[in-house]
Amino acid sequence: MNYKRFLIDACLRMVKSGLTVETWGNISVRDPETGYVYLTPSGMPYDTLVDDDIVVMDIDGNRIEGERKPTIEYAMHLGIMKNRPDVNAVVHTHPVYSQIFALLHENIPPVIDEAAQTLGNVPVTEYALPGSKEMAENAIAAIGKEGAACLLANHGAVAVGKDMDTAFKVCTILEMTSQIYYMARCIGTPKTIDDDKIAYMQDFVRNSYGQR
């Protein structure tokens, strides 16, 4: 599989989905066979990327391929994957409604079934400068061993998945939930879903939902 081309296609998908603008945001994907992580380059328009622009690193941050500077948040991507062997894709976005709550430093609670099944409670980190070690550590801690997403205070959102499609599903549901939550708060006080119901739905999705 050409992971470089796969990553470029994911970047174009992110922009077309309205999850970021210009050169902001970044994406990584891990090859499960080699363990190498493919990362977007820093500050380059996604529609200009070619295979040689993609940076390949091992999980410890040693460069394997590519001459470009990697995304300034590469330590966040590598750290999340190092902490989560089940994660093979990390998508960092700058979506509008999710960022509203990142600015407020508020978590996104599971107020709709889709969020309960896919996200659970989405925490927000403390603020840290983009590309800093502190930002990476904050995101790694917020995602933890089981989380699907977190908000980066005053900055954006991070979603993870076992593969790229799963990570994009998390991005989409996070932004939809944020928009619905925002709109509901304009009218009244949204009610969250009980923890036992969340646990039931997450187990159902993992073990019973869809075609097996």
Protein backbone atom coordinates (compact mmCIF):
# COMPACT_ATOMS: atom_id res chain seq x y z
CA MET A 1 0.00 0.00 0.00
CA ASN A 2 1.23 3.50 -0.85
CA TYR A 3 0.81 5.19 2.52
CA LYS A 4 2.16 8.48 1.21
CA ARG A 5 -0.59 8.77 -1.40
CA PHE A 6 -3.11 7.48 1.14
CA LEU A 7 -2.13 10.28 3.53
CA ILE A 8 -2.38 12.95 0.83
CA ASP A 9 -5.87 11.73 -0.07
CA ALA A 10 -6.82 11.98 3.62
CA CYS A 11 -5.56 15.58 3.70
CA LEU A 12 -7.75 16.51 0.74
CA ARG A 13 -10.66 14.78 2.41
CA MET A 14 -10.10 16.84 5.57
CA VAL A 15 -10.16 20.13 3.65
CA LYS A 16 -13.17 19.19 1.51
CA SER A 17 -15.06 18.16 4.65
CA GLY A 18 -14.64 21.66 6.07
CA LEU A 19 -12.71 20.35 9.07
CA THR A 20 -9.88 22.82 8.59
CA VAL A 21 -8.73 25.69 6.37
CA GLU A 22 -5.56 26.55 4.46
CA THR A 23 -2.54 24.69 5.88
CA TRP A 24 -3.85 24.19 9.41
CA GLY A 25 -4.48 20.80 10.90
CA ASN A 26 -2.35 17.71 10.35
CA ILE A 27 -2.74 13.98 9.86
CA SER A 28 -0.71 10.85 10.48
CA VAL A 29 -1.13 7.19 9.62
CA ARG A 30 0.82 4.18 10.89
CA ASP A 31 1.76 1.18 8.80
CA PRO A 32 0.96 -1.73 11.15
CA GLU A 33 3.51 -3.97 9.45
CA THR A 34 6.58 -1.74 9.79
CA GLY A 35 5.39 0.48 12.64
CA TYR A 36 6.49 3.53 10.63
CA VAL A 37 4.35 6.65 10.90
CA TYR A 38 3.60 8.83 7.85
CA LEU A 39 3.15 12.52 8.69
CA THR A 40 2.08 15.64 6.84
CA PRO A 41 4.75 18.30 6.24
CA SER A 42 4.66 21.64 8.03
CA GLY A 43 2.90 24.60 6.43
CA MET A 44 2.28 23.22 2.94
CA PRO A 45 -1.07 23.55 1.09
CA TYR A 46 -2.67 20.13 0.96
CA ASP A 47 -3.62 20.38 -2.70
CA THR A 48 0.04 20.78 -3.68
CA LEU A 49 1.39 17.74 -1.84
CA VAL A 50 3.24 14.96 -3.66
CA ASP A 51 4.58 11.72 -2.28
CA ASP A 52 8.05 13.13 -1.62
CA ASP A 53 6.58 15.79 0.69
CA ILE A 54 5.42 13.19 3.22
CA VAL A 55 7.72 12.58 6.19
CA VAL A 56 8.16 9.05 7.53
CA MET A 57 9.34 8.46 11.12
CA ASP A 58 9.61 5.59 13.52
CA ILE A 59 7.61 5.74 16.73
CA ASP A 60 10.56 7.33 18.57
CA GLY A 61 10.77 10.25 16.14
CA ASN A 62 13.72 9.12 14.06
CA ARG A 63 13.41 10.17 10.42
CA ILE A 64 13.14 7.27 7.99
CA GLU A 65 12.20 9.07 4.77
CA GLY A 66 11.50 12.57 3.50
CA GLU A 67 13.38 15.85 3.46
CA ARG A 68 10.54 18.16 4.49
CA LYS A 69 10.00 19.50 8.00
CA PRO A 70 7.23 17.41 9.54
CA THR A 71 4.16 18.98 11.09
CA ILE A 72 5.16 20.90 14.21
CA GLU A 73 2.83 18.62 16.17
CA TYR A 74 4.57 15.39 15.17
CA ALA A 75 5.38 14.64 18.83
CA MET A 76 1.67 14.65 19.60
CA HIS A 77 0.94 12.16 16.80
CA LEU A 78 3.80 9.84 17.71
CA GLY A 79 3.07 10.09 21.43
CA ILE A 80 -0.59 9.17 21.00
CA MET A 81 0.31 6.18 18.84
CA LYS A 82 3.04 5.09 21.25
CA ASN A 83 0.52 5.20 24.10
CA ARG A 84 -2.17 3.51 22.02
CA PRO A 85 -1.12 0.43 20.01
CA ASP A 86 -4.72 0.20 18.77
CA VAL A 87 -4.52 3.62 17.07
CA ASN A 88 -3.20 3.76 13.49
CA ALA A 89 -4.57 7.16 12.44
CA VAL A 90 -4.58 10.58 14.11
CA VAL A 91 -6.44 13.53 12.60
CA HIS A 92 -5.95 17.02 14.04
CA THR A 93 -8.61 19.44 12.80
CA HIS A 94 -9.73 23.04 13.29
CA PRO A 95 -13.52 22.73 12.99
CA VAL A 96 -15.75 25.69 13.85
CA TYR A 97 -18.20 24.31 16.41
CA SER A 98 -15.67 22.11 18.19
CA GLN A 99 -13.41 25.14 18.52
CA ILE A 100 -16.19 27.11 20.21
CA PHE A 101 -15.96 24.74 23.17
CA ALA A 102 -12.17 24.63 22.95
CA LEU A 103 -12.27 28.41 23.42
CA LEU A 104 -14.60 28.05 26.38
CA HIS A 105 -12.36 25.32 27.83
CA GLU A 106 -15.43 23.08 28.14
CA ASN A 107 -15.76 19.36 27.56
CA ILE A 108 -18.25 18.04 25.01
CA PRO A 109 -20.63 15.70 26.86
CA PRO A 110 -22.43 12.76 25.20
CA VAL A 111 -25.74 14.48 24.49
CA ILE A 112 -26.77 12.43 21.44
CA ASP A 113 -26.66 8.69 20.77
CA GLU A 114 -23.98 8.98 18.10
CA ALA A 115 -21.67 10.74 20.55
CA ALA A 116 -22.44 8.25 23.31
CA GLN A 117 -21.60 5.34 21.01
CA THR A 118 -18.48 6.80 19.41
CA LEU A 119 -17.01 9.51 21.62
CA GLY A 120 -18.13 9.32 25.22
CA ASN A 121 -17.17 12.50 27.06
CA VAL A 122 -14.68 14.58 25.04
CA PRO A 123 -12.25 16.39 27.38
CA VAL A 124 -10.51 19.69 26.74
CA THR A 125 -6.82 20.15 27.54
CA GLU A 126 -5.13 23.06 29.27
CA TYR A 127 -3.77 25.63 26.80
CA ALA A 128 -0.27 25.10 25.43
CA LEU A 129 1.59 26.62 22.51
CA PRO A 130 1.20 24.87 19.14
CA GLY A 131 3.94 22.35 18.52
CA SER A 132 5.15 22.43 22.10
CA LYS A 133 6.06 19.43 24.22
CA GLU A 134 3.37 20.55 26.64
CA MET A 135 0.66 20.44 23.96
CA ALA A 136 1.73 16.94 22.98
CA GLU A 137 1.69 15.75 26.59
CA ASN A 138 -1.70 17.35 27.22
CA ALA A 139 -3.24 15.64 24.19
CA ILE A 140 -1.71 12.26 24.99
CA ALA A 141 -3.10 12.45 28.54
CA ALA A 142 -6.53 13.64 27.37
CA ILE A 143 -6.90 10.85 24.79
CA GLY A 144 -5.60 8.34 27.32
CA LYS A 145 -5.91 4.59 26.84
CA GLU A 146 -9.52 4.53 25.63
CA GLY A 147 -10.50 8.00 24.37
CA ALA A 148 -11.52 8.72 20.80
CA ALA A 149 -11.04 12.50 20.77
CA CYS A 150 -10.06 15.58 22.73
CA LEU A 151 -10.23 19.33 22.32
CA LEU A 152 -7.04 21.40 22.38
CA ALA A 153 -7.80 24.59 24.30
CA ASN A 154 -8.05 27.66 22.05
CA HIS A 155 -6.76 25.60 19.16
CA GLY A 156 -8.72 22.69 17.69
CA ALA A 157 -9.57 19.02 18.01
CA VAL A 158 -7.81 15.67 17.80
CA ALA A 159 -9.47 12.42 16.74
CA VAL A 160 -7.99 8.93 16.66
CA GLY A 161 -9.00 5.59 15.19
CA LYS A 162 -7.89 2.09 14.39
CA ASP A 163 -7.80 3.27 10.76
CA MET A 164 -8.35 6.48 8.82
CA ASP A 165 -12.05 5.93 8.19
CA THR A 166 -12.64 5.49 11.92
CA ALA A 167 -10.67 8.63 12.75
CA PHE A 168 -12.71 10.64 10.23
CA LYS A 169 -15.93 9.19 11.65
CA VAL A 170 -14.84 10.49 15.06
CA CYS A 171 -14.06 13.92 13.57
CA THR A 172 -17.46 14.11 11.90
CA ILE A 173 -19.46 13.02 14.94
CA LEU A 174 -17.49 15.36 17.20
CA GLU A 175 -18.24 18.36 15.02
CA MET A 176 -21.91 17.38 14.59
CA THR A 177 -22.28 16.89 18.35
CA SER A 178 -20.60 20.23 19.04
CA GLN A 179 -22.98 22.02 16.68
CA ILE A 180 -26.07 20.37 18.15
CA TYR A 181 -24.85 21.01 21.71
CA TYR A 182 -24.17 24.67 20.89
CA MET A 183 -27.61 25.13 19.35
CA ALA A 184 -29.38 23.34 22.20
CA ARG A 185 -27.63 25.58 24.73
CA CYS A 186 -28.94 28.61 22.89
CA ILE A 187 -32.45 27.41 23.79
CA GLY A 188 -32.02 25.71 27.15
CA THR A 189 -29.96 23.22 29.15
CA PRO A 190 -29.14 20.00 27.28
CA LYS A 191 -29.45 16.72 29.18
CA THR A 192 -26.65 14.18 28.96
CA ILE A 193 -27.09 10.42 28.56
CA ASP A 194 -26.63 8.29 31.68
CA ASP A 195 -23.32 6.45 32.07
CA ASP A 196 -24.94 2.99 32.11
CA LYS A 197 -26.72 3.74 28.83
CA ILE A 198 -23.45 4.94 27.29
CA ALA A 199 -21.67 1.76 28.39
CA TYR A 200 -24.47 -0.37 26.92
CA MET A 201 -24.41 1.44 23.57
CA GLN A 202 -20.62 1.29 23.28
CA ASP A 203 -20.66 -2.44 23.98
CA PHE A 204 -23.47 -2.89 21.46
CA VAL A 205 -21.54 -1.04 18.75
CA ARG A 206 -18.38 -3.05 19.43
CA ASN A 207 -20.02 -6.46 19.57
CA SER A 208 -23.45 -6.49 17.94
CA TYR A 209 -24.09 -3.58 15.59
CA GLY A 210 -23.91 -3.98 11.80
CA GLN A 211 -23.05 -7.01 9.69
CA ARG A 212 -20.75 -9.54 11.32
